[in-house]
Amino acid sequence: YALVVAYDDGGGASSIIRDVSGSNMIGGVIIASFDEDEELRQTLASTDRPHVIMNRVLPGDSHCIAIDTRAAALTGVRHLVKLGHTRIGHLAGRLGRFNGEMRREGWAEALTEAGLPVDEALIVEAGYDPARVSDAVDRLLAQGVTAIHAATLLTGAAAIARLHALGCQVPGDISLVTMHDDLLARVVYPEVTTVALPTAMMGQVAVKRLLRQIEGGEAETGAVLLAPDALIVRKSAGPPKGA
C-alpha cells in the first residue's frame, strides 16, 4: 500500500476527505479531524471509502479509536489530591468537544471521589493554543489554586513558562500535572509529571482496522477506547506550599 498524507490546520478536514475519496487510488482513509461532528458525519456519508476515525469518538460511527483521556485526567488529578492539594484548577482543552469533555470529566471525577467541590470557576479553557495560556493561568491563580491540571502537554509547558514569568516556583508555589509524554516533558524546567498516552498503539490499531475493511475481512465495529499508560512522576508536582 502507498501512503498519502493530507494535513489541515484545524476545521478543514472534510474538504480534504472529499477530495482524496474521489480518487480511485485511495483505498481508505484514517481521519484525525477537529471538524464539528455533524459536518464530519455528513462528509463520511457522502463517500463509500472505508474509514477509521482516530483520536475521537463520533456518535453513530462504529469505526472510531481513541484514548481514554478521562481516565488519564483522573489519574493525574488523583496524584495531585494525594499530594495534599484541594484547590486544583483545570487548564481545559476544547470544551464541548470529545477530548476536551473527557478530560474535564476526569478532573471532576477525581475531585468528587476525594470529597472536594467541583468548582466551575476552576475550569479555564485554553484549547490547544499556547497563546491563550498566560491569561488562563492568571485567571486560575486569581481563584487561589495550588495546582493545575493541564489538558495537554503543550499547554502544560506554556503554563510553566507563565508561572516562571510571574515569579512562581514550580512546584514550590504551584504544582502542575498534564498528560502525554514526549521530549517536551523532559526539556522544560522542571521536568513535567504526566500521564503517558498510547498514541503509537492508537495509530497501529487504526491501520489494522482500516486494512481489514479494505481487504474485505470481517470488519471490527464499535468504538475502541485505549487505556492510558502509567503516571510518570517527575519534578513539576509536590505538596502544597506550607503543607
C-alpha atoms as a PDB file:
ATOM      1  CA  TYR A   1       0.000   0.000   0.000  1.00  0.00           C
ATOM      2  CA  ALA A   2       1.075   3.576  -0.685  1.00  0.00           C
ATOM      3  CA  LEU A   3       0.516   6.202   1.990  1.00  0.00           C
ATOM      4  CA  VAL A   4      -0.898   9.635   1.203  1.00  0.00           C
ATOM      5  CA  VAL A   5      -0.795  12.229   3.995  1.00  0.00           C
ATOM      6  CA  ALA A   6      -3.019  15.311   3.869  1.00  0.00           C
ATOM      7  CA  TYR A   7      -2.890  17.955   6.588  1.00  0.00           C
ATOM      8  CA  ASP A   8      -5.255  20.687   7.654  1.00  0.00           C
ATOM      9  CA  ASP A   9      -4.571  23.241  10.362  1.00  0.00           C
ATOM     10  CA  GLY A  10      -7.945  22.884  12.021  1.00  0.00           C
ATOM     11  CA  GLY A  11     -11.515  22.684  10.776  1.00  0.00           C
ATOM     12  CA  GLY A  12     -10.855  21.858   7.132  1.00  0.00           C
ATOM     13  CA  ALA A  13     -10.610  18.091   7.122  1.00  0.00           C
ATOM     14  CA  SER A  14     -13.990  17.485   5.493  1.00  0.00           C
ATOM     15  CA  SER A  15     -12.954  19.080   2.194  1.00  0.00           C
ATOM     16  CA  ILE A  16      -9.731  17.057   2.198  1.00  0.00           C
ATOM     17  CA  ILE A  17     -11.660  13.833   2.848  1.00  0.00           C
ATOM     18  CA  ARG A  18     -13.966  14.581  -0.082  1.00  0.00           C
ATOM     19  CA  ASP A  19     -11.011  15.331  -2.354  1.00  0.00           C
ATOM     20  CA  VAL A  20      -8.968  12.230  -1.567  1.00  0.00           C
ATOM     21  CA  SER A  21     -12.014   9.956  -1.512  1.00  0.00           C
ATOM     22  CA  GLY A  22     -12.743  10.909  -5.109  1.00  0.00           C
ATOM     23  CA  SER A  23      -9.511   9.293  -6.276  1.00  0.00           C
ATOM     24  CA  ASN A  24      -9.515   5.675  -7.421  1.00  0.00           C
ATOM     25  CA  MET A  25      -6.033   5.412  -5.935  1.00  0.00           C
ATOM     26  CA  ILE A  26      -7.366   5.829  -2.393  1.00  0.00           C
ATOM     27  CA  GLY A  27      -8.496   2.607  -0.767  1.00  0.00           C
ATOM     28  CA  GLY A  28      -9.378   4.011   2.632  1.00  0.00           C
ATOM     29  CA  VAL A  29      -8.971   6.979   4.938  1.00  0.00           C
ATOM     30  CA  ILE A  30      -7.742   7.397   8.514  1.00  0.00           C
ATOM     31  CA  ILE A  31      -9.132  10.638   9.903  1.00  0.00           C
ATOM     32  CA  ALA A  32      -7.834  12.784  12.751  1.00  0.00           C
ATOM     33  CA  SER A  33     -10.042  15.844  12.494  1.00  0.00           C
ATOM     34  CA  PHE A  34     -11.176  18.859  14.520  1.00  0.00           C
ATOM     35  CA  ASP A  35     -14.289  19.308  12.347  1.00  0.00           C
ATOM     36  CA  GLU A  36     -17.679  19.559  14.021  1.00  0.00           C
ATOM     37  CA  ASP A  37     -19.428  16.205  14.498  1.00  0.00           C
ATOM     38  CA  GLU A  38     -22.300  16.877  12.104  1.00  0.00           C
ATOM     39  CA  GLU A  39     -20.040  18.195   9.347  1.00  0.00           C
ATOM     40  CA  LEU A  40     -17.790  15.146   9.579  1.00  0.00           C
ATOM     41  CA  ARG A  41     -20.797  12.799   9.695  1.00  0.00           C
ATOM     42  CA  GLN A  42     -22.237  14.306   6.506  1.00  0.00           C
ATOM     43  CA  THR A  43     -18.867  14.108   4.773  1.00  0.00           C
ATOM     44  CA  LEU A  44     -18.447  10.425   5.597  1.00  0.00           C
ATOM     45  CA  ALA A  45     -21.990   9.717   4.412  1.00  0.00           C
ATOM     46  CA  SER A  46     -21.086  11.193   1.025  1.00  0.00           C
ATOM     47  CA  THR A  47     -18.244   8.729   0.350  1.00  0.00           C
ATOM     48  CA  ASP A  48     -18.139   4.956   0.186  1.00  0.00           C
ATOM     49  CA  ARG A  49     -14.457   4.728   1.125  1.00  0.00           C
ATOM     50  CA  PRO A  50     -13.603   2.621   4.180  1.00  0.00           C
ATOM     51  CA  HIS A  51     -12.534   4.820   7.061  1.00  0.00           C
ATOM     52  CA  VAL A  52     -11.350   4.875  10.648  1.00  0.00           C
ATOM     53  CA  ILE A  53     -11.694   7.940  12.856  1.00  0.00           C
ATOM     54  CA  MET A  54      -8.776   8.374  15.213  1.00  0.00           C
ATOM     55  CA  ASN A  55      -8.458  10.283  18.493  1.00  0.00           C
ATOM     56  CA  ARG A  56     -12.177  10.891  18.972  1.00  0.00           C
ATOM     57  CA  VAL A  57     -15.474   9.039  19.060  1.00  0.00           C
ATOM     58  CA  LEU A  58     -18.057  10.290  16.566  1.00  0.00           C
ATOM     59  CA  PRO A  59     -21.536   9.387  17.852  1.00  0.00           C
ATOM     60  CA  GLY A  60     -23.206   6.939  15.491  1.00  0.00           C
ATOM     61  CA  ASP A  61     -19.961   5.897  13.764  1.00  0.00           C
ATOM     62  CA  SER A  62     -18.704   2.393  14.515  1.00  0.00           C
ATOM     63  CA  HIS A  63     -15.152   2.865  13.210  1.00  0.00           C
ATOM     64  CA  CYS A  64     -13.543   5.014  15.883  1.00  0.00           C
ATOM     65  CA  ILE A  65     -10.477   4.580  18.050  1.00  0.00           C
ATOM     66  CA  ALA A  66      -9.385   6.947  20.792  1.00  0.00           C
ATOM     67  CA  ILE A  67      -7.543   7.067  24.094  1.00  0.00           C
ATOM     68  CA  ASP A  68      -9.464   7.174  27.345  1.00  0.00           C
ATOM     69  CA  THR A  69      -8.247  10.623  28.339  1.00  0.00           C
ATOM     70  CA  ARG A  70     -10.919  10.798  31.029  1.00  0.00           C
ATOM     71  CA  ALA A  71      -9.013   8.029  32.802  1.00  0.00           C
ATOM     72  CA  ALA A  72      -5.722   9.843  32.144  1.00  0.00           C
ATOM     73  CA  ALA A  73      -7.050  13.052  33.698  1.00  0.00           C
ATOM     74  CA  LEU A  74      -8.452  11.076  36.619  1.00  0.00           C
ATOM     75  CA  THR A  75      -5.019   9.550  37.264  1.00  0.00           C
ATOM     76  CA  GLY A  76      -3.230  12.891  37.073  1.00  0.00           C
ATOM     77  CA  VAL A  77      -5.619  14.734  39.382  1.00  0.00           C
ATOM     78  CA  ARG A  78      -5.646  11.838  41.843  1.00  0.00           C
ATOM     79  CA  HIS A  79      -1.883  12.302  42.117  1.00  0.00           C
ATOM     80  CA  LEU A  80      -2.345  15.965  42.994  1.00  0.00           C
ATOM     81  CA  VAL A  81      -5.000  15.069  45.572  1.00  0.00           C
ATOM     82  CA  LYS A  82      -2.671  12.516  47.175  1.00  0.00           C
ATOM     83  CA  LEU A  83      -0.018  15.219  47.451  1.00  0.00           C
ATOM     84  CA  GLY A  84      -2.496  17.232  49.525  1.00  0.00           C
ATOM     85  CA  HIS A  85      -3.942  19.698  47.023  1.00  0.00           C
ATOM     86  CA  THR A  86      -7.588  20.672  47.446  1.00  0.00           C
ATOM     87  CA  ARG A  87      -7.755  23.653  45.089  1.00  0.00           C
ATOM     88  CA  ILE A  88      -6.873  22.212  41.683  1.00  0.00           C
ATOM     89  CA  GLY A  89      -7.520  24.161  38.500  1.00  0.00           C
ATOM     90  CA  HIS A  90      -8.211  22.584  35.122  1.00  0.00           C
ATOM     91  CA  LEU A  91      -6.497  24.197  32.127  1.00  0.00           C
ATOM     92  CA  ALA A  92      -9.011  22.839  29.657  1.00  0.00           C
ATOM     93  CA  GLY A  93      -8.800  21.804  26.041  1.00  0.00           C
ATOM     94  CA  ARG A  94     -11.671  22.474  23.647  1.00  0.00           C
ATOM     95  CA  LEU A  95     -14.745  22.245  25.837  1.00  0.00           C
ATOM     96  CA  GLY A  96     -17.783  20.842  24.099  1.00  0.00           C
ATOM     97  CA  ARG A  97     -15.583  18.537  22.003  1.00  0.00           C
ATOM     98  CA  PHE A  98     -14.850  14.870  22.666  1.00  0.00           C
ATOM     99  CA  ASN A  99     -11.368  15.099  24.175  1.00  0.00           C
ATOM    100  CA  GLY A 100     -11.947  18.392  25.952  1.00  0.00           C
ATOM    101  CA  GLU A 101     -15.014  16.996  27.702  1.00  0.00           C
ATOM    102  CA  MET A 102     -13.354  13.674  28.527  1.00  0.00           C
ATOM    103  CA  ARG A 103     -10.501  15.459  30.290  1.00  0.00           C
ATOM    104  CA  ARG A 104     -12.803  17.846  32.126  1.00  0.00           C
ATOM    105  CA  GLU A 105     -14.882  14.895  33.323  1.00  0.00           C
ATOM    106  CA  GLY A 106     -11.777  13.089  34.592  1.00  0.00           C
ATOM    107  CA  TRP A 107     -10.716  16.189  36.539  1.00  0.00           C
ATOM    108  CA  ALA A 108     -14.189  16.493  38.061  1.00  0.00           C
ATOM    109  CA  GLU A 109     -14.411  12.783  38.908  1.00  0.00           C
ATOM    110  CA  ALA A 110     -11.121  12.883  40.821  1.00  0.00           C
ATOM    111  CA  LEU A 111     -12.346  15.820  42.888  1.00  0.00           C
ATOM    112  CA  THR A 112     -15.712  14.199  43.568  1.00  0.00           C
ATOM    113  CA  GLU A 113     -14.227  10.902  44.724  1.00  0.00           C
ATOM    114  CA  ALA A 114     -11.959  12.849  47.102  1.00  0.00           C
ATOM    115  CA  GLY A 115     -14.944  14.700  48.557  1.00  0.00           C
ATOM    116  CA  LEU A 116     -13.810  18.015  47.086  1.00  0.00           C
ATOM    117  CA  PRO A 117     -16.194  20.503  45.454  1.00  0.00           C
ATOM    118  CA  VAL A 118     -16.275  20.741  41.665  1.00  0.00           C
ATOM    119  CA  ASP A 119     -15.959  24.498  41.241  1.00  0.00           C
ATOM    120  CA  GLU A 120     -16.672  25.593  37.672  1.00  0.00           C
ATOM    121  CA  ALA A 121     -14.598  28.723  38.301  1.00  0.00           C
ATOM    122  CA  LEU A 122     -11.543  26.455  38.343  1.00  0.00           C
ATOM    123  CA  ILE A 123     -12.082  25.432  34.701  1.00  0.00           C
ATOM    124  CA  VAL A 124     -10.451  27.794  32.209  1.00  0.00           C
ATOM    125  CA  GLU A 125     -10.323  26.899  28.522  1.00  0.00           C
ATOM    126  CA  ALA A 126      -7.087  27.358  26.580  1.00  0.00           C
ATOM    127  CA  GLY A 127      -7.860  24.879  23.812  1.00  0.00           C
ATOM    128  CA  TYR A 128      -4.633  23.725  22.199  1.00  0.00           C
ATOM    129  CA  ASP A 129      -3.252  27.241  21.812  1.00  0.00           C
ATOM    130  CA  PRO A 130      -0.213  28.240  23.908  1.00  0.00           C
ATOM    131  CA  ALA A 131      -1.018  31.896  23.183  1.00  0.00           C
ATOM    132  CA  ARG A 132      -4.150  31.580  25.332  1.00  0.00           C
ATOM    133  CA  VAL A 133      -2.368  30.021  28.287  1.00  0.00           C
ATOM    134  CA  SER A 134      -0.990  33.130  30.016  1.00  0.00           C
ATOM    135  CA  ASP A 135      -4.445  34.637  30.511  1.00  0.00           C
ATOM    136  CA  ALA A 136      -5.847  31.246  31.538  1.00  0.00           C
ATOM    137  CA  VAL A 137      -3.130  30.735  34.158  1.00  0.00           C
ATOM    138  CA  ASP A 138      -3.680  34.251  35.523  1.00  0.00           C
ATOM    139  CA  ARG A 139      -7.385  33.505  35.906  1.00  0.00           C
ATOM    140  CA  LEU A 140      -6.685  30.252  37.730  1.00  0.00           C
ATOM    141  CA  LEU A 141      -4.223  31.932  40.091  1.00  0.00           C
ATOM    142  CA  ALA A 142      -6.868  34.562  40.858  1.00  0.00           C
ATOM    143  CA  GLN A 143      -9.060  31.686  42.069  1.00  0.00           C
ATOM    144  CA  GLY A 144      -6.430  30.607  44.593  1.00  0.00           C
ATOM    145  CA  VAL A 145      -5.376  27.315  43.034  1.00  0.00           C
ATOM    146  CA  THR A 146      -2.349  25.491  44.429  1.00  0.00           C
ATOM    147  CA  ALA A 147      -2.139  23.086  41.486  1.00  0.00           C
ATOM    148  CA  ILE A 148      -3.047  22.979  37.809  1.00  0.00           C
ATOM    149  CA  HIS A 149      -4.091  20.026  35.708  1.00  0.00           C
ATOM    150  CA  ALA A 150      -3.311  20.864  32.072  1.00  0.00           C
ATOM    151  CA  ALA A 151      -5.310  19.047  29.405  1.00  0.00           C
ATOM    152  CA  THR A 152      -2.329  18.889  27.023  1.00  0.00           C
ATOM    153  CA  LEU A 153       1.433  18.717  27.361  1.00  0.00           C
ATOM    154  CA  LEU A 154       1.869  21.788  25.151  1.00  0.00           C
ATOM    155  CA  THR A 155      -0.399  23.974  27.260  1.00  0.00           C
ATOM    156  CA  GLY A 156       1.150  22.495  30.396  1.00  0.00           C
ATOM    157  CA  ALA A 157       4.615  23.565  29.252  1.00  0.00           C
ATOM    158  CA  ALA A 158       3.267  27.017  28.374  1.00  0.00           C
ATOM    159  CA  ALA A 159       1.691  27.222  31.836  1.00  0.00           C
ATOM    160  CA  ILE A 160       5.056  26.507  33.472  1.00  0.00           C
ATOM    161  CA  ALA A 161       6.626  29.278  31.380  1.00  0.00           C
ATOM    162  CA  ARG A 162       3.907  31.693  32.524  1.00  0.00           C
ATOM    163  CA  LEU A 163       4.359  30.700  36.162  1.00  0.00           C
ATOM    164  CA  HIS A 164       8.100  31.340  35.885  1.00  0.00           C
ATOM    165  CA  ALA A 165       7.410  34.744  34.324  1.00  0.00           C
ATOM    166  CA  LEU A 166       5.194  35.612  37.298  1.00  0.00           C
ATOM    167  CA  GLY A 167       7.922  34.593  39.744  1.00  0.00           C
ATOM    168  CA  CYS A 168       6.116  31.443  40.899  1.00  0.00           C
ATOM    169  CA  GLN A 169       8.157  28.418  41.863  1.00  0.00           C
ATOM    170  CA  VAL A 170       7.098  25.101  40.329  1.00  0.00           C
ATOM    171  CA  PRO A 171       6.276  23.061  42.339  1.00  0.00           C
ATOM    172  CA  GLY A 172       7.102  25.183  45.409  1.00  0.00           C
ATOM    173  CA  ASP A 173       4.229  27.603  44.838  1.00  0.00           C
ATOM    174  CA  ILE A 174       2.140  25.865  42.174  1.00  0.00           C
ATOM    175  CA  SER A 175       2.195  22.207  41.100  1.00  0.00           C
ATOM    176  CA  LEU A 176       1.357  21.043  37.601  1.00  0.00           C
ATOM    177  CA  VAL A 177       0.414  17.707  36.066  1.00  0.00           C
ATOM    178  CA  THR A 178      -0.553  17.037  32.473  1.00  0.00           C
ATOM    179  CA  MET A 179      -0.911  14.136  30.018  1.00  0.00           C
ATOM    180  CA  HIS A 180       1.128  12.761  27.106  1.00  0.00           C
ATOM    181  CA  ASP A 181       4.855  12.148  27.285  1.00  0.00           C
ATOM    182  CA  ASP A 182       7.437  13.180  24.745  1.00  0.00           C
ATOM    183  CA  LEU A 183      10.668  15.175  24.616  1.00  0.00           C
ATOM    184  CA  LEU A 184       8.923  18.404  25.619  1.00  0.00           C
ATOM    185  CA  ALA A 185       8.055  16.929  29.022  1.00  0.00           C
ATOM    186  CA  ARG A 186      11.743  16.325  29.700  1.00  0.00           C
ATOM    187  CA  VAL A 187      13.320  19.529  28.398  1.00  0.00           C
ATOM    188  CA  VAL A 188      11.203  22.112  30.226  1.00  0.00           C
ATOM    189  CA  TYR A 189      12.166  23.061  33.784  1.00  0.00           C
ATOM    190  CA  PRO A 190      11.117  21.432  35.950  1.00  0.00           C
ATOM    191  CA  GLU A 191      10.563  18.190  34.088  1.00  0.00           C
ATOM    192  CA  VAL A 192       6.848  17.523  33.867  1.00  0.00           C
ATOM    193  CA  THR A 193       4.872  14.934  35.782  1.00  0.00           C
ATOM    194  CA  THR A 194       2.486  13.459  33.241  1.00  0.00           C
ATOM    195  CA  VAL A 195       0.297  10.507  32.303  1.00  0.00           C
ATOM    196  CA  ALA A 196       1.691   8.765  29.229  1.00  0.00           C
ATOM    197  CA  LEU A 197      -0.728   8.034  26.385  1.00  0.00           C
ATOM    198  CA  PRO A 198      -0.513   5.092  23.946  1.00  0.00           C
ATOM    199  CA  THR A 199      -0.515   7.241  20.811  1.00  0.00           C
ATOM    200  CA  ALA A 200       1.605   4.837  18.757  1.00  0.00           C
ATOM    201  CA  MET A 201      -0.715   1.961  19.625  1.00  0.00           C
ATOM    202  CA  MET A 202      -3.712   4.057  18.598  1.00  0.00           C
ATOM    203  CA  GLY A 203      -2.173   4.542  15.163  1.00  0.00           C
ATOM    204  CA  GLN A 204      -1.327   0.858  14.820  1.00  0.00           C
ATOM    205  CA  VAL A 205      -4.826  -0.264  15.741  1.00  0.00           C
ATOM    206  CA  ALA A 206      -6.335   2.297  13.357  1.00  0.00           C
ATOM    207  CA  VAL A 207      -4.269   0.958  10.442  1.00  0.00           C
ATOM    208  CA  LYS A 208      -5.140  -2.667  11.236  1.00  0.00           C
ATOM    209  CA  ARG A 209      -8.850  -1.892  11.404  1.00  0.00           C
ATOM    210  CA  LEU A 210      -8.736   0.020   8.122  1.00  0.00           C
ATOM    211  CA  LEU A 211      -6.849  -2.764   6.332  1.00  0.00           C
ATOM    212  CA  ARG A 212      -9.455  -5.294   7.449  1.00  0.00           C
ATOM    213  CA  GLN A 213     -12.133  -3.158   5.819  1.00  0.00           C
ATOM    214  CA  ILE A 214     -10.145  -2.634   2.612  1.00  0.00           C
ATOM    215  CA  GLU A 215      -9.219  -6.289   2.239  1.00  0.00           C
ATOM    216  CA  GLY A 216     -12.766  -7.492   2.711  1.00  0.00           C
ATOM    217  CA  GLY A 217     -12.261  -9.224   6.020  1.00  0.00           C
ATOM    218  CA  GLU A 218     -14.824  -9.146   8.762  1.00  0.00           C
ATOM    219  CA  ALA A 219     -14.636  -5.514   9.839  1.00  0.00           C
ATOM    220  CA  GLU A 220     -14.401  -4.807  13.546  1.00  0.00           C
ATOM    221  CA  THR A 221     -17.115  -2.429  14.629  1.00  0.00           C
ATOM    222  CA  GLY A 222     -17.669  -0.420  17.753  1.00  0.00           C
ATOM    223  CA  ALA A 223     -15.585   2.376  19.199  1.00  0.00           C
ATOM    224  CA  VAL A 224     -12.338   1.400  20.905  1.00  0.00           C
ATOM    225  CA  LEU A 225     -11.001   3.336  23.887  1.00  0.00           C
ATOM    226  CA  LEU A 226      -7.402   2.518  24.758  1.00  0.00           C
ATOM    227  CA  ALA A 227      -6.420   2.737  28.423  1.00  0.00           C
ATOM    228  CA  PRO A 228      -3.775   5.349  29.240  1.00  0.00           C
ATOM    229  CA  ASP A 229      -0.272   4.295  30.185  1.00  0.00           C
ATOM    230  CA  ALA A 230       1.319   4.944  33.566  1.00  0.00           C
ATOM    231  CA  LEU A 231       1.720   8.131  35.555  1.00  0.00           C
ATOM    232  CA  ILE A 232       5.310   9.342  35.144  1.00  0.00           C
ATOM    233  CA  VAL A 233       6.358  11.215  38.270  1.00  0.00           C
ATOM    234  CA  ARG A 234       8.965  13.894  37.607  1.00  0.00           C
ATOM    235  CA  LYS A 235       9.551  17.287  39.231  1.00  0.00           C
ATOM    236  CA  SER A 236       6.590  19.564  38.471  1.00  0.00           C
ATOM    237  CA  ALA A 237       4.286  18.435  41.282  1.00  0.00           C
ATOM    238  CA  GLY A 238       4.750  18.395  45.039  1.00  0.00           C
ATOM    239  CA  PRO A 239       2.808  19.086  48.233  1.00  0.00           C
ATOM    240  CA  PRO A 240       1.055  22.451  48.555  1.00  0.00           C
ATOM    241  CA  LYS A 241       3.094  25.312  49.965  1.00  0.00           C
ATOM    242  CA  GLY A 242       3.173  25.199  53.749  1.00  0.00           C
ATOM    243  CA  ALA A 243       1.965  21.594  53.954  1.00  0.00           C
END
